[in-house]
Amino acid sequence: MKRIWETALVVLSCILVAAAAGLGMEQQEMVVFRVKDHMVGCDGYEGNSRCFMVQKGAAVGSDNWDVLREPIEGFKYEEGYTYDLSVRMELVPNPDTDQSRYRYELVEILSKTKTP
């Protein structure tokens, strides 16, 4: 009887590990970002002292801007332009204390507008 419980426990553990691994793949989403035409000073990750000002999702077009301390992988920013971007936002599993919970990756530049 003890052997059956041990086997059941091992099988259940394997199922839980597999389910957790599957959840990690689903913890990403596509988001539209608007990136402001200038950066601001900040205490960013990896020693960045200049950060993006962004609007995300439904906030695009509003008066509300957030500081984005993390880089957007693949994005070549040019000061003086406002960008609308399609960005993949992925949850980082078990980030270090000095690491962001999210990783951002450029999917597409939707628009690039020179600021007058």
N, C-alpha and C. Protein backbone atom coordinates (compact mmCIF):
# COMPACT_ATOMS: atom_id res chain seq x y z
N MET A 1 0.82 -1.19 0.00
CA MET A 1 0.00 0.00 0.00
C MET A 1 0.87 1.26 0.00
N LYS A 2 1.96 1.22 0.78
CA LYS A 2 2.86 2.36 0.83
C LYS A 2 3.45 2.63 -0.55
N ARG A 3 3.75 1.60 -1.29
CA ARG A 3 4.33 1.72 -2.64
C ARG A 3 3.35 2.43 -3.58
N ILE A 4 2.06 2.14 -3.45
CA ILE A 4 1.04 2.77 -4.30
C ILE A 4 1.01 4.27 -4.02
N TRP A 5 1.05 4.67 -2.75
CA TRP A 5 1.04 6.09 -2.39
C TRP A 5 2.29 6.79 -2.90
N GLU A 6 3.43 6.15 -2.82
CA GLU A 6 4.67 6.75 -3.33
C GLU A 6 4.59 6.95 -4.84
N THR A 7 4.08 5.95 -5.54
CA THR A 7 3.93 6.05 -6.98
C THR A 7 2.94 7.16 -7.34
N ALA A 8 1.84 7.23 -6.64
CA ALA A 8 0.84 8.27 -6.90
C ALA A 8 1.43 9.66 -6.65
N LEU A 9 2.23 9.79 -5.60
CA LEU A 9 2.85 11.07 -5.28
C LEU A 9 3.83 11.49 -6.38
N VAL A 10 4.60 10.56 -6.89
CA VAL A 10 5.55 10.85 -7.98
C VAL A 10 4.79 11.27 -9.24
N VAL A 11 3.73 10.57 -9.58
CA VAL A 11 2.94 10.89 -10.76
C VAL A 11 2.30 12.27 -10.60
N LEU A 12 1.74 12.55 -9.45
CA LEU A 12 1.12 13.86 -9.20
C LEU A 12 2.16 14.97 -9.29
N SER A 13 3.35 14.75 -8.76
CA SER A 13 4.42 15.75 -8.85
C SER A 13 4.80 16.03 -10.30
N CYS A 14 4.90 15.00 -11.10
CA CYS A 14 5.22 15.17 -12.53
C CYS A 14 4.14 15.97 -13.24
N ILE A 15 2.89 15.70 -12.92
CA ILE A 15 1.78 16.43 -13.55
C ILE A 15 1.84 17.90 -13.16
N LEU A 16 2.09 18.19 -11.90
CA LEU A 16 2.17 19.58 -11.45
C LEU A 16 3.33 20.32 -12.10
N VAL A 17 4.48 19.68 -12.22
CA VAL A 17 5.64 20.31 -12.87
C VAL A 17 5.33 20.58 -14.33
N ALA A 18 4.72 19.63 -15.02
CA ALA A 18 4.37 19.81 -16.43
C ALA A 18 3.34 20.94 -16.59
N ALA A 19 2.38 21.02 -15.69
CA ALA A 19 1.36 22.08 -15.77
C ALA A 19 2.01 23.44 -15.54
N ALA A 20 2.92 23.53 -14.58
CA ALA A 20 3.60 24.80 -14.32
C ALA A 20 4.43 25.23 -15.51
N ALA A 21 5.11 24.30 -16.16
CA ALA A 21 5.91 24.63 -17.34
C ALA A 21 5.00 25.13 -18.46
N GLY A 22 3.85 24.53 -18.62
CA GLY A 22 2.91 24.97 -19.64
C GLY A 22 2.37 26.36 -19.37
N LEU A 23 2.15 26.70 -18.11
CA LEU A 23 1.66 28.03 -17.77
C LEU A 23 2.66 29.11 -18.14
N GLY A 24 3.94 28.82 -18.01
CA GLY A 24 4.96 29.80 -18.34
C GLY A 24 4.88 30.24 -19.79
N MET A 25 4.52 29.36 -20.68
CA MET A 25 4.43 29.70 -22.09
C MET A 25 3.23 30.63 -22.35
N GLU A 26 2.20 30.54 -21.50
CA GLU A 26 1.01 31.35 -21.72
C GLU A 26 1.10 32.71 -21.03
N GLN A 27 2.15 32.96 -20.28
CA GLN A 27 2.23 34.19 -19.52
C GLN A 27 2.95 35.27 -20.32
N GLN A 28 2.45 35.48 -21.51
CA GLN A 28 2.93 36.57 -22.34
C GLN A 28 1.74 37.13 -23.09
N GLU A 29 1.85 38.38 -23.47
CA GLU A 29 0.76 38.99 -24.22
C GLU A 29 1.32 40.05 -25.16
N MET A 30 0.54 40.34 -26.18
CA MET A 30 0.89 41.39 -27.12
C MET A 30 0.23 42.67 -26.63
N VAL A 31 1.02 43.76 -26.57
CA VAL A 31 0.52 45.03 -26.06
C VAL A 31 0.95 46.13 -27.02
N VAL A 32 0.10 47.13 -27.20
CA VAL A 32 0.48 48.31 -27.98
C VAL A 32 1.04 49.33 -27.01
N PHE A 33 2.24 49.83 -27.32
CA PHE A 33 2.89 50.87 -26.53
C PHE A 33 2.97 52.14 -27.37
N ARG A 34 2.78 53.28 -26.73
CA ARG A 34 3.16 54.56 -27.33
C ARG A 34 4.38 55.03 -26.54
N VAL A 35 5.47 55.31 -27.23
CA VAL A 35 6.71 55.75 -26.60
C VAL A 35 6.88 57.24 -26.89
N LYS A 36 7.05 58.02 -25.82
CA LYS A 36 7.17 59.47 -25.92
C LYS A 36 8.46 59.87 -26.66
N ASP A 37 8.49 61.08 -27.18
CA ASP A 37 9.59 61.57 -28.01
C ASP A 37 10.88 61.89 -27.25
N HIS A 38 10.85 61.78 -25.93
CA HIS A 38 12.07 61.99 -25.16
C HIS A 38 12.09 61.04 -23.96
N MET A 39 13.29 60.76 -23.49
CA MET A 39 13.46 59.89 -22.33
C MET A 39 13.58 60.76 -21.08
N VAL A 40 13.44 60.12 -19.91
CA VAL A 40 13.55 60.83 -18.64
C VAL A 40 14.61 60.15 -17.77
N GLY A 41 15.16 60.92 -16.85
CA GLY A 41 16.10 60.34 -15.89
C GLY A 41 15.37 59.43 -14.92
N CYS A 42 16.01 58.30 -14.56
CA CYS A 42 15.38 57.35 -13.64
C CYS A 42 16.43 56.39 -13.09
N ASP A 43 16.01 55.59 -12.13
CA ASP A 43 16.83 54.49 -11.63
C ASP A 43 16.30 53.24 -12.31
N GLY A 44 16.89 52.88 -13.44
CA GLY A 44 16.40 51.74 -14.20
C GLY A 44 17.16 50.49 -13.88
N TYR A 45 16.74 49.40 -14.49
CA TYR A 45 17.41 48.12 -14.35
C TYR A 45 18.72 48.13 -15.12
N GLU A 46 19.65 47.34 -14.66
CA GLU A 46 20.96 47.21 -15.30
C GLU A 46 21.68 48.54 -15.40
N GLY A 47 21.44 49.44 -14.43
CA GLY A 47 22.17 50.69 -14.38
C GLY A 47 21.69 51.76 -15.34
N ASN A 48 20.58 51.53 -16.03
CA ASN A 48 20.07 52.56 -16.95
C ASN A 48 19.72 53.81 -16.16
N SER A 49 20.11 54.95 -16.67
CA SER A 49 19.74 56.20 -16.00
C SER A 49 18.76 57.00 -16.85
N ARG A 50 18.43 56.52 -18.03
CA ARG A 50 17.45 57.14 -18.92
C ARG A 50 16.39 56.09 -19.23
N CYS A 51 15.14 56.47 -19.07
CA CYS A 51 14.04 55.53 -19.25
C CYS A 51 13.00 56.08 -20.22
N PHE A 52 12.26 55.17 -20.85
CA PHE A 52 11.18 55.54 -21.75
C PHE A 52 9.97 56.01 -20.96
N MET A 53 9.22 56.94 -21.54
CA MET A 53 7.89 57.30 -21.06
C MET A 53 6.92 56.61 -22.03
N VAL A 54 6.01 55.80 -21.47
CA VAL A 54 5.13 55.00 -22.33
C VAL A 54 3.68 55.08 -21.88
N GLN A 55 2.82 54.80 -22.84
CA GLN A 55 1.41 54.52 -22.59
C GLN A 55 1.19 53.11 -23.09
N LYS A 56 0.45 52.31 -22.32
CA LYS A 56 0.22 50.92 -22.68
C LYS A 56 -1.26 50.64 -22.88
N GLY A 57 -1.55 49.87 -23.93
CA GLY A 57 -2.91 49.39 -24.16
C GLY A 57 -3.95 50.49 -24.23
N ALA A 58 -4.95 50.41 -23.35
CA ALA A 58 -6.07 51.36 -23.36
C ALA A 58 -5.64 52.78 -23.00
N ALA A 59 -4.47 52.94 -22.37
CA ALA A 59 -4.00 54.28 -21.98
C ALA A 59 -3.40 55.06 -23.15
N VAL A 60 -3.17 54.39 -24.30
CA VAL A 60 -2.61 55.08 -25.47
C VAL A 60 -3.56 56.20 -25.90
N GLY A 61 -2.99 57.40 -26.02
CA GLY A 61 -3.79 58.55 -26.42
C GLY A 61 -4.30 59.36 -25.24
N SER A 62 -4.09 58.88 -24.04
CA SER A 62 -4.54 59.61 -22.85
C SER A 62 -3.45 60.60 -22.41
N ASP A 63 -3.67 61.25 -21.29
CA ASP A 63 -2.67 62.17 -20.74
C ASP A 63 -1.75 61.47 -19.75
N ASN A 64 -1.96 60.18 -19.51
CA ASN A 64 -1.20 59.43 -18.51
C ASN A 64 0.00 58.71 -19.14
N TRP A 65 1.18 58.97 -18.60
CA TRP A 65 2.41 58.34 -19.06
C TRP A 65 3.07 57.62 -17.89
N ASP A 66 3.62 56.43 -18.15
CA ASP A 66 4.35 55.66 -17.15
C ASP A 66 5.82 55.59 -17.53
N VAL A 67 6.66 55.44 -16.53
CA VAL A 67 8.10 55.26 -16.78
C VAL A 67 8.34 53.77 -17.01
N LEU A 68 9.01 53.44 -18.11
CA LEU A 68 9.39 52.06 -18.39
C LEU A 68 10.89 51.95 -18.17
N ARG A 69 11.28 51.25 -17.14
CA ARG A 69 12.69 51.15 -16.75
C ARG A 69 13.45 50.07 -17.53
N GLU A 70 12.72 49.13 -18.10
CA GLU A 70 13.34 48.02 -18.82
C GLU A 70 13.52 48.36 -20.29
N PRO A 71 14.51 47.75 -20.92
CA PRO A 71 14.66 47.96 -22.37
C PRO A 71 13.58 47.21 -23.15
N ILE A 72 13.35 47.63 -24.38
CA ILE A 72 12.49 46.90 -25.31
C ILE A 72 13.44 46.26 -26.31
N GLU A 73 13.61 44.95 -26.21
CA GLU A 73 14.56 44.25 -27.06
C GLU A 73 14.22 44.45 -28.54
N GLY A 74 15.23 44.81 -29.32
CA GLY A 74 15.05 44.98 -30.76
C GLY A 74 14.59 46.37 -31.17
N PHE A 75 14.35 47.26 -30.21
CA PHE A 75 13.85 48.61 -30.50
C PHE A 75 15.02 49.59 -30.54
N LYS A 76 15.18 50.25 -31.68
CA LYS A 76 16.22 51.27 -31.86
C LYS A 76 15.56 52.64 -31.73
N TYR A 77 15.65 53.21 -30.55
CA TYR A 77 14.99 54.48 -30.25
C TYR A 77 15.76 55.65 -30.83
N GLU A 78 15.02 56.61 -31.36
CA GLU A 78 15.61 57.85 -31.87
C GLU A 78 14.86 59.02 -31.22
N GLU A 79 15.58 59.82 -30.44
CA GLU A 79 14.99 60.97 -29.75
C GLU A 79 14.32 61.90 -30.77
N GLY A 80 13.18 62.50 -30.38
CA GLY A 80 12.48 63.44 -31.24
C GLY A 80 11.34 62.81 -32.02
N TYR A 81 11.11 61.51 -31.83
CA TYR A 81 10.02 60.80 -32.50
C TYR A 81 9.13 60.13 -31.46
N THR A 82 7.83 60.16 -31.73
CA THR A 82 6.87 59.39 -30.93
C THR A 82 6.59 58.11 -31.70
N TYR A 83 6.63 57.00 -31.00
CA TYR A 83 6.45 55.69 -31.63
C TYR A 83 5.20 55.01 -31.11
N ASP A 84 4.50 54.30 -31.98
CA ASP A 84 3.51 53.32 -31.58
C ASP A 84 4.09 51.97 -31.94
N LEU A 85 4.14 51.08 -30.95
CA LEU A 85 4.81 49.79 -31.12
C LEU A 85 3.88 48.65 -30.76
N SER A 86 4.06 47.55 -31.44
CA SER A 86 3.48 46.29 -31.00
C SER A 86 4.59 45.56 -30.26
N VAL A 87 4.32 45.23 -28.98
CA VAL A 87 5.35 44.69 -28.11
C VAL A 87 4.86 43.39 -27.48
N ARG A 88 5.76 42.41 -27.42
CA ARG A 88 5.47 41.17 -26.69
C ARG A 88 5.96 41.38 -25.26
N MET A 89 5.04 41.27 -24.32
CA MET A 89 5.34 41.45 -22.91
C MET A 89 5.28 40.07 -22.25
N GLU A 90 6.39 39.62 -21.69
CA GLU A 90 6.48 38.27 -21.15
C GLU A 90 6.85 38.31 -19.68
N LEU A 91 6.14 37.54 -18.87
CA LEU A 91 6.43 37.44 -17.46
C LEU A 91 7.70 36.61 -17.28
N VAL A 92 8.66 37.13 -16.53
CA VAL A 92 9.91 36.43 -16.26
C VAL A 92 9.71 35.57 -15.02
N PRO A 93 9.87 34.24 -15.13
CA PRO A 93 9.69 33.39 -13.95
C PRO A 93 10.85 33.57 -12.99
N ASN A 94 10.55 33.75 -11.73
CA ASN A 94 11.55 33.87 -10.66
C ASN A 94 12.66 34.87 -10.96
N PRO A 95 12.32 36.13 -11.18
CA PRO A 95 13.38 37.11 -11.48
C PRO A 95 14.26 37.37 -10.25
N ASP A 96 15.51 37.73 -10.49
CA ASP A 96 16.39 38.14 -9.41
C ASP A 96 15.84 39.42 -8.80
N THR A 97 16.32 39.77 -7.62
CA THR A 97 15.80 40.96 -6.94
C THR A 97 16.08 42.24 -7.72
N ASP A 98 17.15 42.25 -8.52
CA ASP A 98 17.47 43.45 -9.31
C ASP A 98 16.99 43.33 -10.75
N GLN A 99 16.14 42.37 -11.02
CA GLN A 99 15.64 42.12 -12.37
C GLN A 99 14.14 42.41 -12.43
N SER A 100 13.68 42.87 -13.57
CA SER A 100 12.26 43.15 -13.77
C SER A 100 11.44 41.87 -13.82
N ARG A 101 10.17 41.99 -13.48
CA ARG A 101 9.25 40.86 -13.61
C ARG A 101 8.86 40.62 -15.06
N TYR A 102 9.12 41.62 -15.93
CA TYR A 102 8.70 41.51 -17.33
C TYR A 102 9.88 41.71 -18.27
N ARG A 103 9.75 41.08 -19.43
CA ARG A 103 10.69 41.26 -20.53
C ARG A 103 9.87 41.77 -21.69
N TYR A 104 10.41 42.77 -22.39
CA TYR A 104 9.69 43.39 -23.51
C TYR A 104 10.47 43.16 -24.79
N GLU A 105 9.76 42.78 -25.84
CA GLU A 105 10.39 42.53 -27.14
C GLU A 105 9.57 43.20 -28.24
N LEU A 106 10.25 43.97 -29.08
CA LEU A 106 9.58 44.63 -30.20
C LEU A 106 9.10 43.59 -31.20
N VAL A 107 7.84 43.71 -31.59
CA VAL A 107 7.27 42.87 -32.64
C VAL A 107 7.21 43.67 -33.94
N GLU A 108 6.70 44.94 -33.82
CA GLU A 108 6.55 45.77 -35.01
C GLU A 108 6.45 47.24 -34.62
N ILE A 109 7.05 48.10 -35.43
CA ILE A 109 6.85 49.54 -35.29
C ILE A 109 5.61 49.88 -36.09
N LEU A 110 4.56 50.32 -35.40
CA LEU A 110 3.29 50.64 -36.07
C LEU A 110 3.32 52.03 -36.66
N SER A 111 3.99 52.97 -35.97
CA SER A 111 4.16 54.32 -36.51
C SER A 111 5.36 55.00 -35.84
N LYS A 112 5.95 55.94 -36.56
CA LYS A 112 7.08 56.74 -36.07
C LYS A 112 6.82 58.15 -36.57
N THR A 113 6.51 59.06 -35.63
CA THR A 113 6.10 60.42 -35.98
C THR A 113 7.07 61.44 -35.41
N LYS A 114 7.62 62.29 -36.29
CA LYS A 114 8.53 63.35 -35.86
C LYS A 114 7.74 64.35 -35.03
N THR A 115 8.30 64.72 -33.87
CA THR A 115 7.67 65.71 -33.02
C THR A 115 8.07 67.10 -33.47
N PRO A 116 7.08 67.98 -33.66
CA PRO A 116 7.40 69.33 -34.14
C PRO A 116 8.18 70.15 -33.12
